[in-house]
N, C-alpha and C. Protein backbone atom coordinates (compact mmCIF):
# COMPACT_ATOMS: atom_id res chain seq x y z
N MET A 1 65.05 77.52 -15.12
CA MET A 1 63.63 77.39 -15.44
C MET A 1 63.28 75.96 -15.77
N ALA A 2 64.23 75.30 -16.49
CA ALA A 2 64.04 73.88 -16.86
C ALA A 2 64.03 73.01 -15.64
N GLU A 3 64.94 73.34 -14.69
CA GLU A 3 64.98 72.56 -13.45
C GLU A 3 63.67 72.68 -12.70
N LYS A 4 63.08 73.85 -12.74
CA LYS A 4 61.81 74.06 -12.04
C LYS A 4 60.72 73.22 -12.64
N ASN A 5 60.71 73.17 -14.01
CA ASN A 5 59.69 72.35 -14.69
C ASN A 5 59.86 70.88 -14.40
N GLU A 6 61.15 70.47 -14.33
CA GLU A 6 61.41 69.06 -14.04
C GLU A 6 60.94 68.71 -12.65
N ARG A 7 61.22 69.62 -11.69
CA ARG A 7 60.78 69.36 -10.32
C ARG A 7 59.27 69.31 -10.23
N GLN A 8 58.61 70.16 -11.04
CA GLN A 8 57.14 70.16 -11.02
C GLN A 8 56.57 68.91 -11.68
N GLY A 9 57.31 68.21 -12.55
CA GLY A 9 56.77 67.03 -13.26
C GLY A 9 56.93 65.74 -12.49
N TYR A 10 57.78 65.73 -11.47
CA TYR A 10 58.02 64.48 -10.74
C TYR A 10 56.78 63.90 -10.08
N PRO A 11 55.88 64.67 -9.50
CA PRO A 11 54.70 64.07 -8.83
C PRO A 11 53.77 63.31 -9.76
N LEU A 12 53.87 63.50 -11.05
CA LEU A 12 52.95 62.81 -11.96
C LEU A 12 53.20 61.32 -12.01
N ALA A 13 54.40 60.85 -11.83
CA ALA A 13 54.74 59.42 -11.92
C ALA A 13 54.04 58.59 -10.86
N PRO A 14 54.09 58.97 -9.60
CA PRO A 14 53.36 58.18 -8.58
C PRO A 14 51.87 58.13 -8.85
N ALA A 15 51.29 59.17 -9.38
CA ALA A 15 49.85 59.16 -9.66
C ALA A 15 49.52 58.09 -10.67
N ALA A 16 50.35 57.95 -11.74
CA ALA A 16 50.11 56.92 -12.75
C ALA A 16 50.27 55.54 -12.16
N GLY A 17 51.28 55.36 -11.30
CA GLY A 17 51.49 54.06 -10.66
C GLY A 17 50.34 53.71 -9.73
N HIS A 18 49.84 54.68 -9.04
CA HIS A 18 48.70 54.45 -8.15
C HIS A 18 47.46 54.04 -8.93
N LEU A 19 47.28 54.61 -10.13
CA LEU A 19 46.13 54.26 -10.98
C LEU A 19 46.21 52.82 -11.43
N ARG A 20 47.47 52.39 -11.83
CA ARG A 20 47.63 51.00 -12.25
C ARG A 20 47.35 50.04 -11.09
N SER A 21 47.73 50.43 -9.92
CA SER A 21 47.49 49.60 -8.74
C SER A 21 45.99 49.45 -8.47
N ASP A 22 45.25 50.53 -8.62
CA ASP A 22 43.79 50.48 -8.44
C ASP A 22 43.13 49.58 -9.48
N GLN A 23 43.64 49.66 -10.71
CA GLN A 23 43.08 48.82 -11.77
C GLN A 23 43.33 47.33 -11.50
N GLU A 24 44.56 47.03 -11.05
CA GLU A 24 44.88 45.64 -10.74
C GLU A 24 44.03 45.12 -9.58
N SER A 25 43.82 46.00 -8.58
CA SER A 25 42.99 45.62 -7.44
C SER A 25 41.54 45.37 -7.86
N ALA A 26 41.04 46.24 -8.73
CA ALA A 26 39.67 46.07 -9.22
C ALA A 26 39.53 44.79 -10.03
N THR A 27 40.58 44.48 -10.83
CA THR A 27 40.56 43.25 -11.63
C THR A 27 40.54 42.02 -10.73
N LEU A 28 41.39 42.04 -9.70
CA LEU A 28 41.42 40.92 -8.75
C LEU A 28 40.07 40.76 -8.04
N GLN A 29 39.49 41.88 -7.64
CA GLN A 29 38.19 41.82 -6.97
C GLN A 29 37.12 41.27 -7.90
N SER A 30 37.20 41.67 -9.19
CA SER A 30 36.22 41.17 -10.16
C SER A 30 36.36 39.67 -10.36
N LYS A 31 37.62 39.19 -10.44
CA LYS A 31 37.86 37.75 -10.59
C LYS A 31 37.37 36.98 -9.36
N GLU A 32 37.64 37.54 -8.19
CA GLU A 32 37.20 36.88 -6.95
C GLU A 32 35.67 36.84 -6.87
N PHE A 33 35.03 37.93 -7.31
CA PHE A 33 33.56 37.97 -7.30
C PHE A 33 32.99 36.90 -8.23
N ARG A 34 33.60 36.79 -9.44
CA ARG A 34 33.11 35.79 -10.39
C ARG A 34 33.35 34.37 -9.87
N ARG A 35 34.48 34.17 -9.20
CA ARG A 35 34.78 32.85 -8.65
C ARG A 35 33.76 32.45 -7.57
N LYS A 36 33.47 33.41 -6.67
CA LYS A 36 32.50 33.14 -5.62
C LYS A 36 31.10 32.90 -6.20
N ARG A 37 30.79 33.67 -7.27
CA ARG A 37 29.48 33.48 -7.90
C ARG A 37 29.36 32.09 -8.52
N ARG A 38 30.44 31.64 -9.17
CA ARG A 38 30.42 30.29 -9.74
C ARG A 38 30.26 29.23 -8.66
N ILE A 39 30.92 29.44 -7.53
CA ILE A 39 30.79 28.49 -6.41
C ILE A 39 29.36 28.45 -5.90
N ARG A 40 28.74 29.65 -5.76
CA ARG A 40 27.34 29.71 -5.30
C ARG A 40 26.41 29.01 -6.28
N ILE A 41 26.62 29.24 -7.57
CA ILE A 41 25.77 28.61 -8.59
C ILE A 41 25.93 27.09 -8.54
N ALA A 42 27.18 26.65 -8.41
CA ALA A 42 27.43 25.20 -8.33
C ALA A 42 26.76 24.61 -7.09
N ALA A 43 26.82 25.35 -5.97
CA ALA A 43 26.19 24.87 -4.73
C ALA A 43 24.68 24.80 -4.90
N TYR A 44 24.09 25.80 -5.57
CA TYR A 44 22.65 25.78 -5.82
C TYR A 44 22.26 24.59 -6.70
N ILE A 45 23.08 24.31 -7.72
CA ILE A 45 22.78 23.19 -8.62
C ILE A 45 22.85 21.86 -7.86
N VAL A 46 23.88 21.70 -7.04
CA VAL A 46 24.03 20.47 -6.25
C VAL A 46 22.85 20.30 -5.29
N ALA A 47 22.48 21.41 -4.62
CA ALA A 47 21.35 21.35 -3.69
C ALA A 47 20.06 20.99 -4.42
N PHE A 48 19.86 21.54 -5.61
CA PHE A 48 18.66 21.25 -6.39
C PHE A 48 18.63 19.78 -6.81
N VAL A 49 19.78 19.26 -7.24
CA VAL A 49 19.86 17.85 -7.66
C VAL A 49 19.57 16.93 -6.48
N VAL A 50 20.15 17.25 -5.32
CA VAL A 50 19.91 16.44 -4.12
C VAL A 50 18.43 16.48 -3.74
N PHE A 51 17.84 17.68 -3.77
CA PHE A 51 16.41 17.83 -3.43
C PHE A 51 15.54 17.02 -4.39
N GLN A 52 15.84 17.11 -5.69
CA GLN A 52 15.08 16.36 -6.67
C GLN A 52 15.23 14.86 -6.47
N SER A 53 16.44 14.42 -6.12
CA SER A 53 16.68 13.00 -5.87
C SER A 53 15.86 12.50 -4.69
N ILE A 54 15.78 13.33 -3.64
CA ILE A 54 14.99 12.96 -2.47
C ILE A 54 13.51 12.86 -2.84
N ILE A 55 13.01 13.82 -3.61
CA ILE A 55 11.61 13.81 -4.03
C ILE A 55 11.31 12.57 -4.87
N ILE A 56 12.21 12.25 -5.80
CA ILE A 56 12.01 11.08 -6.65
C ILE A 56 12.03 9.80 -5.82
N ALA A 57 12.94 9.73 -4.83
CA ALA A 57 13.03 8.54 -3.97
C ALA A 57 11.75 8.36 -3.16
N ILE A 58 11.25 9.47 -2.59
CA ILE A 58 10.00 9.41 -1.82
C ILE A 58 8.84 9.00 -2.72
N PHE A 59 8.80 9.56 -3.91
CA PHE A 59 7.75 9.24 -4.88
C PHE A 59 7.78 7.76 -5.25
N ALA A 60 9.00 7.23 -5.45
CA ALA A 60 9.15 5.83 -5.84
C ALA A 60 8.74 4.89 -4.70
N VAL A 61 9.08 5.28 -3.47
CA VAL A 61 8.78 4.41 -2.33
C VAL A 61 7.29 4.44 -1.96
N THR A 62 6.65 5.59 -2.13
CA THR A 62 5.25 5.72 -1.71
C THR A 62 4.27 5.52 -2.87
N VAL A 63 4.34 6.40 -3.84
CA VAL A 63 3.34 6.40 -4.92
C VAL A 63 3.55 5.24 -5.89
N MET A 64 4.80 5.00 -6.29
CA MET A 64 5.07 4.03 -7.35
C MET A 64 5.28 2.61 -6.84
N LYS A 65 5.14 2.36 -5.58
CA LYS A 65 5.33 1.02 -5.03
C LYS A 65 4.05 0.21 -5.15
N TYR A 66 4.16 -1.00 -5.65
CA TYR A 66 3.01 -1.89 -5.77
C TYR A 66 2.82 -2.66 -4.47
N ARG A 67 1.62 -2.58 -3.91
CA ARG A 67 1.31 -3.26 -2.66
C ARG A 67 0.24 -4.33 -2.89
N THR A 68 0.35 -5.42 -2.15
CA THR A 68 -0.64 -6.49 -2.26
C THR A 68 -1.91 -6.11 -1.50
N PRO A 69 -3.06 -6.10 -2.14
CA PRO A 69 -4.31 -5.77 -1.44
C PRO A 69 -4.62 -6.79 -0.34
N LYS A 70 -5.44 -6.38 0.61
CA LYS A 70 -5.86 -7.27 1.69
C LYS A 70 -7.26 -7.80 1.39
N PHE A 71 -7.41 -9.09 1.47
CA PHE A 71 -8.63 -9.81 1.10
C PHE A 71 -9.17 -10.50 2.35
N ARG A 72 -10.33 -10.05 2.84
CA ARG A 72 -10.82 -10.53 4.13
C ARG A 72 -12.34 -10.73 4.12
N LEU A 73 -12.81 -11.48 5.15
CA LEU A 73 -14.23 -11.52 5.46
C LEU A 73 -14.50 -10.42 6.47
N GLY A 74 -15.64 -9.76 6.31
CA GLY A 74 -16.01 -8.70 7.24
C GLY A 74 -17.21 -9.10 8.08
N ASN A 75 -18.21 -8.26 8.11
CA ASN A 75 -19.41 -8.53 8.91
C ASN A 75 -20.16 -9.76 8.39
N ILE A 76 -20.66 -10.55 9.33
CA ILE A 76 -21.43 -11.74 8.98
C ILE A 76 -22.77 -11.70 9.72
N THR A 77 -23.85 -11.86 8.97
CA THR A 77 -25.19 -11.88 9.56
C THR A 77 -25.81 -13.26 9.32
N VAL A 78 -26.06 -13.97 10.39
CA VAL A 78 -26.60 -15.33 10.29
C VAL A 78 -28.11 -15.27 10.06
N GLU A 79 -28.57 -15.95 9.01
CA GLU A 79 -30.01 -16.02 8.73
C GLU A 79 -30.62 -17.29 9.31
N THR A 80 -29.96 -18.42 9.08
CA THR A 80 -30.41 -19.68 9.68
C THR A 80 -29.20 -20.48 10.15
N LEU A 81 -29.37 -21.22 11.23
CA LEU A 81 -28.31 -22.08 11.77
C LEU A 81 -28.99 -23.23 12.52
N ILE A 82 -29.04 -24.38 11.86
CA ILE A 82 -29.72 -25.56 12.42
C ILE A 82 -28.67 -26.64 12.64
N SER A 83 -28.69 -27.25 13.80
CA SER A 83 -27.72 -28.31 14.12
C SER A 83 -28.42 -29.45 14.85
N THR A 84 -27.93 -30.66 14.60
CA THR A 84 -28.45 -31.87 15.23
C THR A 84 -27.29 -32.67 15.79
N PRO A 85 -27.24 -32.88 17.11
CA PRO A 85 -26.10 -33.58 17.70
C PRO A 85 -26.14 -35.10 17.54
N ALA A 86 -27.33 -35.71 17.60
CA ALA A 86 -27.44 -37.17 17.56
C ALA A 86 -28.83 -37.53 17.01
N PRO A 87 -29.01 -38.74 16.47
CA PRO A 87 -27.98 -39.79 16.35
C PRO A 87 -27.02 -39.54 15.18
N SER A 88 -27.44 -38.75 14.21
CA SER A 88 -26.56 -38.41 13.09
C SER A 88 -26.25 -36.92 13.16
N PRO A 89 -25.07 -36.56 13.68
CA PRO A 89 -24.73 -35.14 13.82
C PRO A 89 -24.69 -34.43 12.47
N SER A 90 -25.28 -33.24 12.44
CA SER A 90 -25.31 -32.49 11.19
C SER A 90 -25.54 -31.01 11.49
N PHE A 91 -25.28 -30.18 10.47
CA PHE A 91 -25.58 -28.75 10.60
C PHE A 91 -25.93 -28.20 9.23
N ASN A 92 -26.67 -27.12 9.26
CA ASN A 92 -27.07 -26.43 8.04
C ASN A 92 -27.17 -24.95 8.39
N THR A 93 -26.52 -24.12 7.60
CA THR A 93 -26.54 -22.69 7.92
C THR A 93 -26.54 -21.84 6.65
N ARG A 94 -27.15 -20.69 6.77
CA ARG A 94 -27.10 -19.67 5.71
C ARG A 94 -26.78 -18.34 6.39
N PHE A 95 -25.83 -17.62 5.81
CA PHE A 95 -25.49 -16.30 6.35
C PHE A 95 -25.03 -15.39 5.22
N VAL A 96 -25.15 -14.10 5.48
CA VAL A 96 -24.67 -13.08 4.54
C VAL A 96 -23.32 -12.58 5.04
N ALA A 97 -22.30 -12.72 4.20
CA ALA A 97 -20.95 -12.31 4.58
C ALA A 97 -20.51 -11.11 3.74
N GLN A 98 -19.87 -10.21 4.39
CA GLN A 98 -19.31 -9.06 3.68
C GLN A 98 -17.83 -9.35 3.39
N VAL A 99 -17.50 -9.40 2.10
CA VAL A 99 -16.12 -9.61 1.67
C VAL A 99 -15.50 -8.24 1.40
N THR A 100 -14.31 -8.01 1.93
CA THR A 100 -13.65 -6.71 1.73
C THR A 100 -12.33 -6.89 0.98
N VAL A 101 -12.08 -5.98 0.04
CA VAL A 101 -10.81 -5.93 -0.69
C VAL A 101 -10.23 -4.54 -0.44
N LYS A 102 -9.22 -4.47 0.42
CA LYS A 102 -8.61 -3.19 0.80
C LYS A 102 -7.41 -2.93 -0.10
N ASN A 103 -7.48 -1.84 -0.86
CA ASN A 103 -6.43 -1.47 -1.79
C ASN A 103 -5.69 -0.24 -1.27
N THR A 104 -4.41 -0.41 -0.92
CA THR A 104 -3.62 0.71 -0.40
C THR A 104 -2.71 1.32 -1.47
N ASN A 105 -2.91 0.94 -2.72
CA ASN A 105 -2.10 1.48 -3.81
C ASN A 105 -2.60 2.84 -4.27
N PHE A 106 -1.72 3.60 -4.92
CA PHE A 106 -2.10 4.89 -5.51
C PHE A 106 -2.60 4.67 -6.94
N GLY A 107 -3.51 3.74 -7.06
CA GLY A 107 -4.11 3.38 -8.34
C GLY A 107 -5.12 2.28 -8.10
N PRO A 108 -6.08 2.08 -9.00
CA PRO A 108 -7.13 1.08 -8.81
C PRO A 108 -6.60 -0.35 -8.92
N TYR A 109 -7.32 -1.25 -8.25
CA TYR A 109 -7.02 -2.69 -8.32
C TYR A 109 -8.24 -3.39 -8.91
N LYS A 110 -8.06 -3.94 -10.12
CA LYS A 110 -9.14 -4.66 -10.78
C LYS A 110 -8.91 -6.16 -10.60
N PHE A 111 -9.93 -6.85 -10.08
CA PHE A 111 -9.77 -8.28 -9.79
C PHE A 111 -10.83 -9.12 -10.49
N ASP A 112 -10.47 -10.37 -10.73
CA ASP A 112 -11.38 -11.31 -11.37
C ASP A 112 -12.25 -11.99 -10.34
N ASN A 113 -13.31 -12.67 -10.82
CA ASN A 113 -14.14 -13.42 -9.88
C ASN A 113 -13.35 -14.62 -9.35
N THR A 114 -13.72 -15.04 -8.16
CA THR A 114 -13.03 -16.16 -7.51
C THR A 114 -14.02 -16.93 -6.64
N THR A 115 -13.59 -18.04 -6.12
CA THR A 115 -14.44 -18.89 -5.29
C THR A 115 -13.83 -19.04 -3.91
N ALA A 116 -14.62 -18.78 -2.89
CA ALA A 116 -14.20 -19.00 -1.51
C ALA A 116 -14.74 -20.34 -1.06
N THR A 117 -13.86 -21.18 -0.53
CA THR A 117 -14.25 -22.52 -0.08
C THR A 117 -14.30 -22.56 1.44
N PHE A 118 -15.38 -23.13 1.98
CA PHE A 118 -15.55 -23.26 3.42
C PHE A 118 -15.34 -24.72 3.81
N THR A 119 -14.62 -24.92 4.89
CA THR A 119 -14.29 -26.29 5.33
C THR A 119 -14.56 -26.47 6.82
N TYR A 120 -14.80 -27.76 7.16
CA TYR A 120 -14.88 -28.15 8.57
C TYR A 120 -13.87 -29.29 8.75
N GLY A 121 -12.92 -29.07 9.63
CA GLY A 121 -11.89 -30.09 9.85
C GLY A 121 -11.13 -30.45 8.58
N GLY A 122 -10.97 -29.47 7.69
CA GLY A 122 -10.26 -29.70 6.43
C GLY A 122 -11.11 -30.28 5.33
N MET A 123 -12.39 -30.55 5.60
CA MET A 123 -13.30 -31.12 4.60
C MET A 123 -14.29 -30.06 4.14
N LYS A 124 -14.53 -30.04 2.85
CA LYS A 124 -15.37 -29.01 2.24
C LYS A 124 -16.84 -29.16 2.66
N VAL A 125 -17.44 -28.03 3.06
CA VAL A 125 -18.86 -28.02 3.44
C VAL A 125 -19.65 -27.01 2.59
N GLY A 126 -18.97 -26.32 1.68
CA GLY A 126 -19.67 -25.38 0.82
C GLY A 126 -18.72 -24.36 0.20
N GLN A 127 -19.26 -23.59 -0.73
CA GLN A 127 -18.45 -22.56 -1.37
C GLN A 127 -19.35 -21.43 -1.86
N VAL A 128 -18.72 -20.30 -2.19
CA VAL A 128 -19.47 -19.16 -2.70
C VAL A 128 -18.61 -18.43 -3.73
N VAL A 129 -19.25 -17.93 -4.77
CA VAL A 129 -18.54 -17.19 -5.81
C VAL A 129 -18.51 -15.70 -5.44
N ILE A 130 -17.32 -15.13 -5.50
CA ILE A 130 -17.14 -13.70 -5.27
C ILE A 130 -16.96 -13.04 -6.63
N PRO A 131 -17.87 -12.16 -7.04
CA PRO A 131 -17.81 -11.59 -8.39
C PRO A 131 -16.64 -10.64 -8.58
N LYS A 132 -16.26 -10.46 -9.85
CA LYS A 132 -15.16 -9.55 -10.17
C LYS A 132 -15.57 -8.11 -9.85
N GLY A 133 -14.59 -7.26 -9.69
CA GLY A 133 -14.88 -5.87 -9.36
C GLY A 133 -13.62 -5.03 -9.36
N LYS A 134 -13.71 -3.85 -8.78
CA LYS A 134 -12.59 -2.93 -8.73
C LYS A 134 -12.57 -2.17 -7.42
N ALA A 135 -11.41 -2.18 -6.77
CA ALA A 135 -11.20 -1.37 -5.58
C ALA A 135 -10.43 -0.13 -6.00
N GLY A 136 -11.01 1.03 -5.78
CA GLY A 136 -10.40 2.27 -6.22
C GLY A 136 -9.13 2.63 -5.49
N LEU A 137 -8.54 3.74 -5.90
CA LEU A 137 -7.30 4.25 -5.31
C LEU A 137 -7.44 4.42 -3.81
N ARG A 138 -6.62 3.69 -3.05
CA ARG A 138 -6.59 3.77 -1.58
C ARG A 138 -8.00 3.71 -0.99
N SER A 139 -8.72 2.67 -1.37
CA SER A 139 -10.08 2.51 -0.87
C SER A 139 -10.36 1.02 -0.66
N THR A 140 -11.50 0.74 -0.04
CA THR A 140 -11.90 -0.63 0.25
C THR A 140 -13.20 -0.97 -0.47
N LYS A 141 -13.15 -2.04 -1.25
CA LYS A 141 -14.34 -2.53 -1.95
C LYS A 141 -15.05 -3.54 -1.05
N LYS A 142 -16.35 -3.35 -0.84
CA LYS A 142 -17.14 -4.25 -0.01
C LYS A 142 -18.18 -4.97 -0.86
N ILE A 143 -18.21 -6.29 -0.72
CA ILE A 143 -19.12 -7.12 -1.51
C ILE A 143 -19.89 -8.03 -0.57
N ASP A 144 -21.21 -8.02 -0.67
CA ASP A 144 -22.04 -8.91 0.15
C ASP A 144 -22.37 -10.18 -0.65
N VAL A 145 -22.12 -11.33 -0.02
CA VAL A 145 -22.43 -12.62 -0.65
C VAL A 145 -23.24 -13.47 0.33
N THR A 146 -24.14 -14.28 -0.23
CA THR A 146 -24.95 -15.20 0.60
C THR A 146 -24.31 -16.58 0.56
N VAL A 147 -24.02 -17.12 1.74
CA VAL A 147 -23.31 -18.39 1.85
C VAL A 147 -24.23 -19.45 2.43
N ASP A 148 -24.29 -20.60 1.74
CA ASP A 148 -25.06 -21.77 2.22
C ASP A 148 -24.09 -22.90 2.50
N LEU A 149 -24.09 -23.41 3.74
CA LEU A 149 -23.20 -24.49 4.13
C LEU A 149 -24.00 -25.60 4.81
N ASN A 150 -23.53 -26.84 4.62
CA ASN A 150 -24.14 -27.96 5.34
C ASN A 150 -23.13 -29.10 5.45
N SER A 151 -23.45 -30.04 6.29
CA SER A 151 -22.55 -31.16 6.58
C SER A 151 -22.87 -32.41 5.78
N ASP A 152 -23.67 -32.28 4.72
CA ASP A 152 -24.08 -33.47 3.96
C ASP A 152 -22.90 -34.24 3.39
N ALA A 153 -21.86 -33.54 2.99
CA ALA A 153 -20.72 -34.22 2.36
C ALA A 153 -19.72 -34.77 3.37
N LEU A 154 -19.94 -34.53 4.64
CA LEU A 154 -19.01 -35.01 5.66
C LEU A 154 -19.28 -36.46 6.01
N ALA A 155 -18.19 -37.18 6.26
CA ALA A 155 -18.34 -38.55 6.76
C ALA A 155 -18.75 -38.46 8.23
N SER A 156 -19.43 -39.47 8.68
CA SER A 156 -19.87 -39.49 10.06
C SER A 156 -18.66 -39.57 10.98
N THR A 157 -18.48 -38.54 11.78
CA THR A 157 -17.33 -38.50 12.70
C THR A 157 -17.80 -38.12 14.10
N SER A 158 -17.05 -38.60 15.05
CA SER A 158 -17.39 -38.28 16.43
C SER A 158 -17.10 -36.82 16.76
N SER A 159 -16.12 -36.21 16.06
CA SER A 159 -15.74 -34.84 16.36
C SER A 159 -16.88 -33.87 16.07
N LEU A 160 -17.64 -34.09 14.98
CA LEU A 160 -18.75 -33.21 14.66
C LEU A 160 -19.82 -33.30 15.74
N GLY A 161 -20.13 -34.53 16.16
CA GLY A 161 -21.12 -34.69 17.23
C GLY A 161 -20.67 -34.02 18.51
N SER A 162 -19.37 -34.12 18.84
CA SER A 162 -18.84 -33.50 20.05
C SER A 162 -18.92 -31.98 19.97
N ASP A 163 -18.57 -31.45 18.80
CA ASP A 163 -18.61 -29.99 18.63
C ASP A 163 -20.04 -29.47 18.75
N ILE A 164 -20.96 -30.16 18.10
CA ILE A 164 -22.36 -29.71 18.16
C ILE A 164 -22.90 -29.81 19.58
N SER A 165 -22.53 -30.88 20.27
CA SER A 165 -22.97 -31.03 21.67
C SER A 165 -22.39 -29.93 22.56
N SER A 166 -21.18 -29.46 22.23
CA SER A 166 -20.57 -28.40 23.03
C SER A 166 -21.18 -27.03 22.73
N GLY A 167 -21.94 -26.96 21.62
CA GLY A 167 -22.58 -25.70 21.25
C GLY A 167 -21.71 -24.79 20.43
N ILE A 168 -20.55 -25.29 19.99
CA ILE A 168 -19.61 -24.48 19.22
C ILE A 168 -19.27 -25.18 17.90
N LEU A 169 -19.37 -24.43 16.81
CA LEU A 169 -19.03 -24.97 15.50
C LEU A 169 -17.94 -24.09 14.89
N LYS A 170 -16.81 -24.73 14.53
CA LYS A 170 -15.68 -23.99 13.97
C LYS A 170 -15.49 -24.35 12.50
N LEU A 171 -15.46 -23.32 11.67
CA LEU A 171 -15.28 -23.48 10.23
C LEU A 171 -14.10 -22.61 9.76
N SER A 172 -13.62 -22.92 8.57
CA SER A 172 -12.55 -22.13 7.96
C SER A 172 -12.91 -21.81 6.52
N THR A 173 -12.31 -20.77 6.00
CA THR A 173 -12.53 -20.42 4.59
C THR A 173 -11.23 -19.94 3.97
N GLN A 174 -11.04 -20.33 2.71
CA GLN A 174 -9.85 -19.95 1.97
C GLN A 174 -10.26 -19.48 0.57
N ALA A 175 -9.52 -18.52 0.04
CA ALA A 175 -9.76 -18.04 -1.33
C ALA A 175 -8.54 -17.29 -1.80
N LYS A 176 -8.36 -17.25 -3.12
CA LYS A 176 -7.27 -16.50 -3.74
C LYS A 176 -7.86 -15.53 -4.75
N LEU A 177 -7.50 -14.27 -4.61
CA LEU A 177 -8.01 -13.22 -5.49
C LEU A 177 -6.88 -12.78 -6.43
N SER A 178 -7.16 -12.81 -7.73
CA SER A 178 -6.16 -12.41 -8.73
C SER A 178 -6.62 -11.16 -9.46
N GLY A 179 -5.69 -10.25 -9.70
CA GLY A 179 -6.04 -9.02 -10.40
C GLY A 179 -4.81 -8.23 -10.76
N LYS A 180 -5.01 -6.96 -11.14
CA LYS A 180 -3.93 -6.08 -11.56
C LYS A 180 -4.07 -4.71 -10.90
N VAL A 181 -2.92 -4.20 -10.45
CA VAL A 181 -2.85 -2.84 -9.93
C VAL A 181 -2.41 -1.92 -11.06
N GLU A 182 -3.11 -0.80 -11.22
CA GLU A 182 -2.78 0.15 -12.29
C GLU A 182 -2.30 1.45 -11.69
N LEU A 183 -1.08 1.86 -12.08
CA LEU A 183 -0.50 3.11 -11.59
C LEU A 183 -0.28 4.07 -12.75
N MET A 184 -0.57 5.32 -12.52
CA MET A 184 -0.36 6.38 -13.51
C MET A 184 -1.08 6.10 -14.82
N PHE A 185 -2.15 5.32 -14.77
CA PHE A 185 -3.02 5.02 -15.91
C PHE A 185 -2.34 4.18 -17.00
N VAL A 186 -1.09 3.85 -16.84
CA VAL A 186 -0.39 3.09 -17.89
C VAL A 186 0.35 1.87 -17.36
N MET A 187 0.90 1.96 -16.16
CA MET A 187 1.70 0.85 -15.61
C MET A 187 0.80 -0.11 -14.86
N LYS A 188 0.89 -1.39 -15.20
CA LYS A 188 0.06 -2.41 -14.57
C LYS A 188 0.94 -3.55 -14.06
N LYS A 189 0.52 -4.12 -12.94
CA LYS A 189 1.24 -5.26 -12.38
C LYS A 189 0.26 -6.21 -11.73
N LYS A 190 0.46 -7.50 -11.98
CA LYS A 190 -0.41 -8.51 -11.40
C LYS A 190 -0.14 -8.65 -9.91
N LYS A 191 -1.23 -8.70 -9.15
CA LYS A 191 -1.13 -8.89 -7.72
C LYS A 191 -2.22 -9.86 -7.26
N SER A 192 -1.83 -10.83 -6.44
CA SER A 192 -2.79 -11.81 -5.90
C SER A 192 -2.88 -11.66 -4.39
N ALA A 193 -4.09 -11.80 -3.88
CA ALA A 193 -4.32 -11.68 -2.44
C ALA A 193 -4.95 -12.96 -1.92
N GLN A 194 -4.53 -13.38 -0.75
CA GLN A 194 -5.03 -14.61 -0.14
C GLN A 194 -5.98 -14.28 1.02
N MET A 195 -7.02 -15.10 1.15
CA MET A 195 -7.92 -14.98 2.29
C MET A 195 -7.90 -16.29 3.07
N ASN A 196 -7.58 -16.19 4.35
CA ASN A 196 -7.61 -17.34 5.26
C ASN A 196 -8.28 -16.89 6.55
N CYS A 197 -9.49 -17.35 6.77
CA CYS A 197 -10.26 -16.92 7.93
C CYS A 197 -10.81 -18.12 8.70
N ASN A 198 -10.91 -17.95 10.01
CA ASN A 198 -11.52 -18.95 10.88
C ASN A 198 -12.79 -18.36 11.51
N LEU A 199 -13.87 -19.11 11.42
CA LEU A 199 -15.16 -18.65 11.95
C LEU A 199 -15.60 -19.56 13.08
N THR A 200 -16.13 -18.97 14.12
CA THR A 200 -16.66 -19.73 15.25
C THR A 200 -18.12 -19.33 15.47
N PHE A 201 -19.03 -20.33 15.41
CA PHE A 201 -20.45 -20.08 15.57
C PHE A 201 -20.94 -20.58 16.93
N ASP A 202 -21.78 -19.80 17.55
CA ASP A 202 -22.46 -20.20 18.79
C ASP A 202 -23.79 -20.81 18.38
N LEU A 203 -23.90 -22.14 18.52
CA LEU A 203 -25.10 -22.85 18.04
C LEU A 203 -26.34 -22.52 18.87
N SER A 204 -26.16 -22.32 20.15
CA SER A 204 -27.32 -22.01 20.98
C SER A 204 -27.87 -20.61 20.68
N ALA A 205 -26.98 -19.66 20.45
CA ALA A 205 -27.39 -18.29 20.14
C ALA A 205 -27.67 -18.11 18.66
N LYS A 206 -27.28 -19.11 17.86
CA LYS A 206 -27.45 -19.05 16.39
C LYS A 206 -26.85 -17.76 15.82
N ALA A 207 -25.61 -17.55 16.23
CA ALA A 207 -24.91 -16.33 15.81
C ALA A 207 -23.41 -16.58 15.72
N LEU A 208 -22.73 -15.67 15.05
CA LEU A 208 -21.28 -15.76 14.94
C LEU A 208 -20.66 -15.33 16.26
N GLN A 209 -19.76 -16.16 16.76
CA GLN A 209 -19.10 -15.84 18.02
C GLN A 209 -17.74 -15.17 17.79
N GLY A 210 -17.05 -15.59 16.76
CA GLY A 210 -15.73 -15.00 16.51
C GLY A 210 -15.30 -15.16 15.07
N LEU A 211 -14.49 -14.22 14.59
CA LEU A 211 -13.94 -14.23 13.23
C LEU A 211 -12.51 -13.76 13.29
N GLN A 212 -11.60 -14.58 12.74
CA GLN A 212 -10.19 -14.22 12.71
C GLN A 212 -9.63 -14.49 11.32
N CYS A 213 -9.03 -13.47 10.72
CA CYS A 213 -8.45 -13.60 9.38
C CYS A 213 -6.97 -13.27 9.41
N ASN A 214 -6.19 -14.01 8.66
CA ASN A 214 -4.73 -13.80 8.58
C ASN A 214 -4.37 -13.13 7.27
């Protein structure tokens, strides 16, 4: 009878061993799952950091970069243009010039008043004051000024007489604009813009023939 009971008890041992094997397998699977989850989380963190770095770099290059405004002469409307070729060559002109300040920054550009000087052959023939103002965020400020020029201060030269006789008068203008660019309402940086323009007038038509600014 005892032998029968012993024979009946033998199958219980493999069942217990099989249970331990299942537990070990489940433990290994749980560890592997946690390991893979940690890897995924680390990958997400790295991807997020890289994405944020790219956004910050783009922001720094575009929004936070200080750019020099462009300072130019725009439309010119001639009101009077009188010239005399001989015996004493001379000219006298008045025109309305549109001065433009193009601001490509992501913040306003506030500038001080300045003086634009007009020259003929490197000699001064007049000037005009450009008042202070502000060019808004990524916008162009337009200012109309009245310019009076004449050759009274020029020495008598053959070149002026030749130019007037040819019907073409070439002048130049230079000016420097000083101001500050403001970003994010707190950061400010000084920026200066230069204006160098060449004007060509048609004396017979009493009009501007060409305008070129650098």
